[in-house]
Amino acid sequence: MDQFNVLASYPQKEKVGGIGEVYSDRLLVQLKDSKFKEPTVCPPAIFLDIDRIKNFNVLEDDVFLCGFPRSGTTFTQEMIWLILHDFDFEEAKKVDAYNRSQWFE
């Protein structure tokens, strides 16, 4: 968290999930020593996983799914996994969708 300036904290009415913890606020942060000077609102959970995200190794055959909240991302993720694994429904039942792919939030 040393690479960020925390400018403000915004309480949420409902709890927000994130990377194994439950948080009830969001932070307005500004990245230090960056060309991006605009502050960003993000959940505090991002700081627990920032190194994993920064060091993520992108492979040539990776597939990225990008979407807005409540837009069918999980359903689309399931369809993509099944297509890439020859519709192996039995294997899909063994491991939940969250653990079959990486998430960046």
C-alpha atoms as a PDB file:
ATOM      1  CA  MET A   1       0.000   0.000   0.000  1.00  0.00           C
ATOM      2  CA  ASP A   2       3.071   2.225   0.086  1.00  0.00           C
ATOM      3  CA  GLN A   3       2.651   3.023  -3.596  1.00  0.00           C
ATOM      4  CA  PHE A   4      -0.710   4.744  -2.978  1.00  0.00           C
ATOM      5  CA  ASN A   5      -1.925   7.931  -1.326  1.00  0.00           C
ATOM      6  CA  VAL A   6      -5.291   7.286   0.332  1.00  0.00           C
ATOM      7  CA  LEU A   7      -7.336  10.436  -0.216  1.00  0.00           C
ATOM      8  CA  ALA A   8     -10.675   9.397   1.299  1.00  0.00           C
ATOM      9  CA  SER A   9     -12.762   6.462   2.522  1.00  0.00           C
ATOM     10  CA  TYR A  10     -16.369   5.984   1.452  1.00  0.00           C
ATOM     11  CA  PRO A  11     -18.616   3.831   3.686  1.00  0.00           C
ATOM     12  CA  GLN A  12     -20.912   1.389   1.868  1.00  0.00           C
ATOM     13  CA  LYS A  13     -24.466   0.589   2.958  1.00  0.00           C
ATOM     14  CA  GLU A  14     -23.974  -3.121   2.233  1.00  0.00           C
ATOM     15  CA  LYS A  15     -20.911  -5.292   2.671  1.00  0.00           C
ATOM     16  CA  VAL A  16     -18.651  -5.766  -0.333  1.00  0.00           C
ATOM     17  CA  GLY A  17     -16.773  -9.039  -0.909  1.00  0.00           C
ATOM     18  CA  GLY A  18     -13.182  -9.190  -2.022  1.00  0.00           C
ATOM     19  CA  ILE A  19     -10.364 -11.713  -2.105  1.00  0.00           C
ATOM     20  CA  GLY A  20     -11.362 -13.818   0.890  1.00  0.00           C
ATOM     21  CA  GLU A  21     -12.386 -10.934   3.152  1.00  0.00           C
ATOM     22  CA  VAL A  22     -15.473  -8.778   3.616  1.00  0.00           C
ATOM     23  CA  TYR A  23     -15.062  -5.027   3.563  1.00  0.00           C
ATOM     24  CA  SER A  24     -17.611  -2.305   4.181  1.00  0.00           C
ATOM     25  CA  ASP A  25     -15.921   0.667   2.556  1.00  0.00           C
ATOM     26  CA  ARG A  26     -14.140   1.820  -0.565  1.00  0.00           C
ATOM     27  CA  LEU A  27     -11.063   3.990  -0.799  1.00  0.00           C
ATOM     28  CA  LEU A  28     -10.215   6.890  -3.069  1.00  0.00           C
ATOM     29  CA  VAL A  29      -6.547   6.381  -3.914  1.00  0.00           C
ATOM     30  CA  GLN A  30      -3.908   8.020  -6.061  1.00  0.00           C
ATOM     31  CA  LEU A  31      -0.931   6.054  -7.382  1.00  0.00           C
ATOM     32  CA  LYS A  32       2.397   7.590  -6.371  1.00  0.00           C
ATOM     33  CA  ASP A  33       5.062   8.215  -9.038  1.00  0.00           C
ATOM     34  CA  SER A  34       2.736   7.454 -11.956  1.00  0.00           C
ATOM     35  CA  LYS A  35       1.745   9.236 -15.144  1.00  0.00           C
ATOM     36  CA  PHE A  36      -1.875   8.623 -14.114  1.00  0.00           C
ATOM     37  CA  LYS A  37      -2.666  11.523 -11.815  1.00  0.00           C
ATOM     38  CA  GLU A  38      -6.434  11.003 -11.501  1.00  0.00           C
ATOM     39  CA  PRO A  39      -7.574   9.362  -8.225  1.00  0.00           C
ATOM     40  CA  THR A  40      -9.357   5.999  -8.418  1.00  0.00           C
ATOM     41  CA  VAL A  41     -12.040   4.477  -6.210  1.00  0.00           C
ATOM     42  CA  CYS A  42     -11.275   0.861  -5.339  1.00  0.00           C
ATOM     43  CA  PRO A  43     -11.992  -1.711  -2.621  1.00  0.00           C
ATOM     44  CA  PRO A  44      -9.291  -2.136   0.043  1.00  0.00           C
ATOM     45  CA  ALA A  45      -9.005  -5.823  -0.945  1.00  0.00           C
ATOM     46  CA  ILE A  46      -7.027  -4.818  -4.041  1.00  0.00           C
ATOM     47  CA  PHE A  47      -4.024  -4.040  -1.839  1.00  0.00           C
ATOM     48  CA  LEU A  48      -3.896  -7.665  -0.678  1.00  0.00           C
ATOM     49  CA  ASP A  49      -3.406  -8.870  -4.252  1.00  0.00           C
ATOM     50  CA  ILE A  50      -1.537  -6.007  -5.983  1.00  0.00           C
ATOM     51  CA  ASP A  51       1.747  -7.934  -6.387  1.00  0.00           C
ATOM     52  CA  ARG A  52      -0.003 -10.908  -8.001  1.00  0.00           C
ATOM     53  CA  ILE A  53      -1.672  -8.581 -10.481  1.00  0.00           C
ATOM     54  CA  LYS A  54       1.526  -6.649 -11.258  1.00  0.00           C
ATOM     55  CA  ASN A  55       3.511  -9.858 -11.823  1.00  0.00           C
ATOM     56  CA  PHE A  56       0.862 -11.769 -13.767  1.00  0.00           C
ATOM     57  CA  ASN A  57       2.440 -13.619 -16.695  1.00  0.00           C
ATOM     58  CA  VAL A  58       0.264 -13.293 -19.824  1.00  0.00           C
ATOM     59  CA  LEU A  59       0.469 -16.292 -22.143  1.00  0.00           C
ATOM     60  CA  GLU A  60      -0.196 -16.317 -25.882  1.00  0.00           C
ATOM     61  CA  ASP A  61      -3.313 -18.482 -25.553  1.00  0.00           C
ATOM     62  CA  ASP A  62      -4.873 -16.641 -22.565  1.00  0.00           C
ATOM     63  CA  VAL A  63      -8.501 -15.571 -22.872  1.00  0.00           C
ATOM     64  CA  PHE A  64      -9.664 -12.394 -21.140  1.00  0.00           C
ATOM     65  CA  LEU A  65     -13.283 -11.747 -20.216  1.00  0.00           C
ATOM     66  CA  CYS A  66     -14.063  -8.130 -19.338  1.00  0.00           C
ATOM     67  CA  GLY A  67     -17.441  -6.955 -18.149  1.00  0.00           C
ATOM     68  CA  PHE A  68     -19.416  -4.689 -15.883  1.00  0.00           C
ATOM     69  CA  PRO A  69     -20.951  -5.903 -12.619  1.00  0.00           C
ATOM     70  CA  ARG A  70     -24.267  -7.706 -13.069  1.00  0.00           C
ATOM     71  CA  SER A  71     -23.758  -8.109 -16.842  1.00  0.00           C
ATOM     72  CA  GLY A  72     -23.517 -11.904 -17.048  1.00  0.00           C
ATOM     73  CA  THR A  73     -19.772 -12.224 -16.466  1.00  0.00           C
ATOM     74  CA  THR A  74     -19.999 -15.441 -14.418  1.00  0.00           C
ATOM     75  CA  PHE A  75     -22.347 -17.074 -16.937  1.00  0.00           C
ATOM     76  CA  THR A  76     -20.042 -16.081 -19.819  1.00  0.00           C
ATOM     77  CA  GLN A  77     -17.017 -17.337 -17.868  1.00  0.00           C
ATOM     78  CA  GLU A  78     -18.727 -20.718 -17.499  1.00  0.00           C
ATOM     79  CA  MET A  79     -19.502 -20.888 -21.223  1.00  0.00           C
ATOM     80  CA  ILE A  80     -15.913 -20.003 -22.170  1.00  0.00           C
ATOM     81  CA  TRP A  81     -14.490 -22.657 -19.826  1.00  0.00           C
ATOM     82  CA  LEU A  82     -16.806 -25.330 -21.233  1.00  0.00           C
ATOM     83  CA  ILE A  83     -15.946 -24.418 -24.835  1.00  0.00           C
ATOM     84  CA  LEU A  84     -12.204 -24.520 -24.109  1.00  0.00           C
ATOM     85  CA  HIS A  85     -12.551 -27.897 -22.339  1.00  0.00           C
ATOM     86  CA  ASP A  86     -14.725 -29.708 -24.923  1.00  0.00           C
ATOM     87  CA  PHE A  87     -17.888 -29.345 -22.828  1.00  0.00           C
ATOM     88  CA  ASP A  88     -16.573 -31.515 -19.982  1.00  0.00           C
ATOM     89  CA  PHE A  89     -19.501 -30.977 -17.605  1.00  0.00           C
ATOM     90  CA  GLU A  90     -18.286 -33.620 -15.163  1.00  0.00           C
ATOM     91  CA  GLU A  91     -14.941 -31.831 -14.649  1.00  0.00           C
ATOM     92  CA  ALA A  92     -16.771 -28.494 -14.388  1.00  0.00           C
ATOM     93  CA  LYS A  93     -18.858 -29.877 -11.508  1.00  0.00           C
ATOM     94  CA  LYS A  94     -15.718 -30.771  -9.530  1.00  0.00           C
ATOM     95  CA  VAL A  95     -14.279 -27.234  -9.282  1.00  0.00           C
ATOM     96  CA  ASP A  96     -16.353 -24.057  -9.032  1.00  0.00           C
ATOM     97  CA  ALA A  97     -16.019 -21.349 -11.698  1.00  0.00           C
ATOM     98  CA  TYR A  98     -14.217 -18.957  -9.345  1.00  0.00           C
ATOM     99  CA  ASN A  99     -11.332 -21.430  -8.900  1.00  0.00           C
ATOM    100  CA  ARG A 100     -11.059 -22.370 -12.588  1.00  0.00           C
ATOM    101  CA  SER A 101      -9.797 -18.951 -13.667  1.00  0.00           C
ATOM    102  CA  GLN A 102      -7.959 -15.880 -12.402  1.00  0.00           C
ATOM    103  CA  TRP A 103      -9.903 -12.787 -11.385  1.00  0.00           C
ATOM    104  CA  PHE A 104      -8.720  -9.193 -11.505  1.00  0.00           C
ATOM    105  CA  GLU A 105     -11.110  -6.857  -9.734  1.00  0.00           C
END
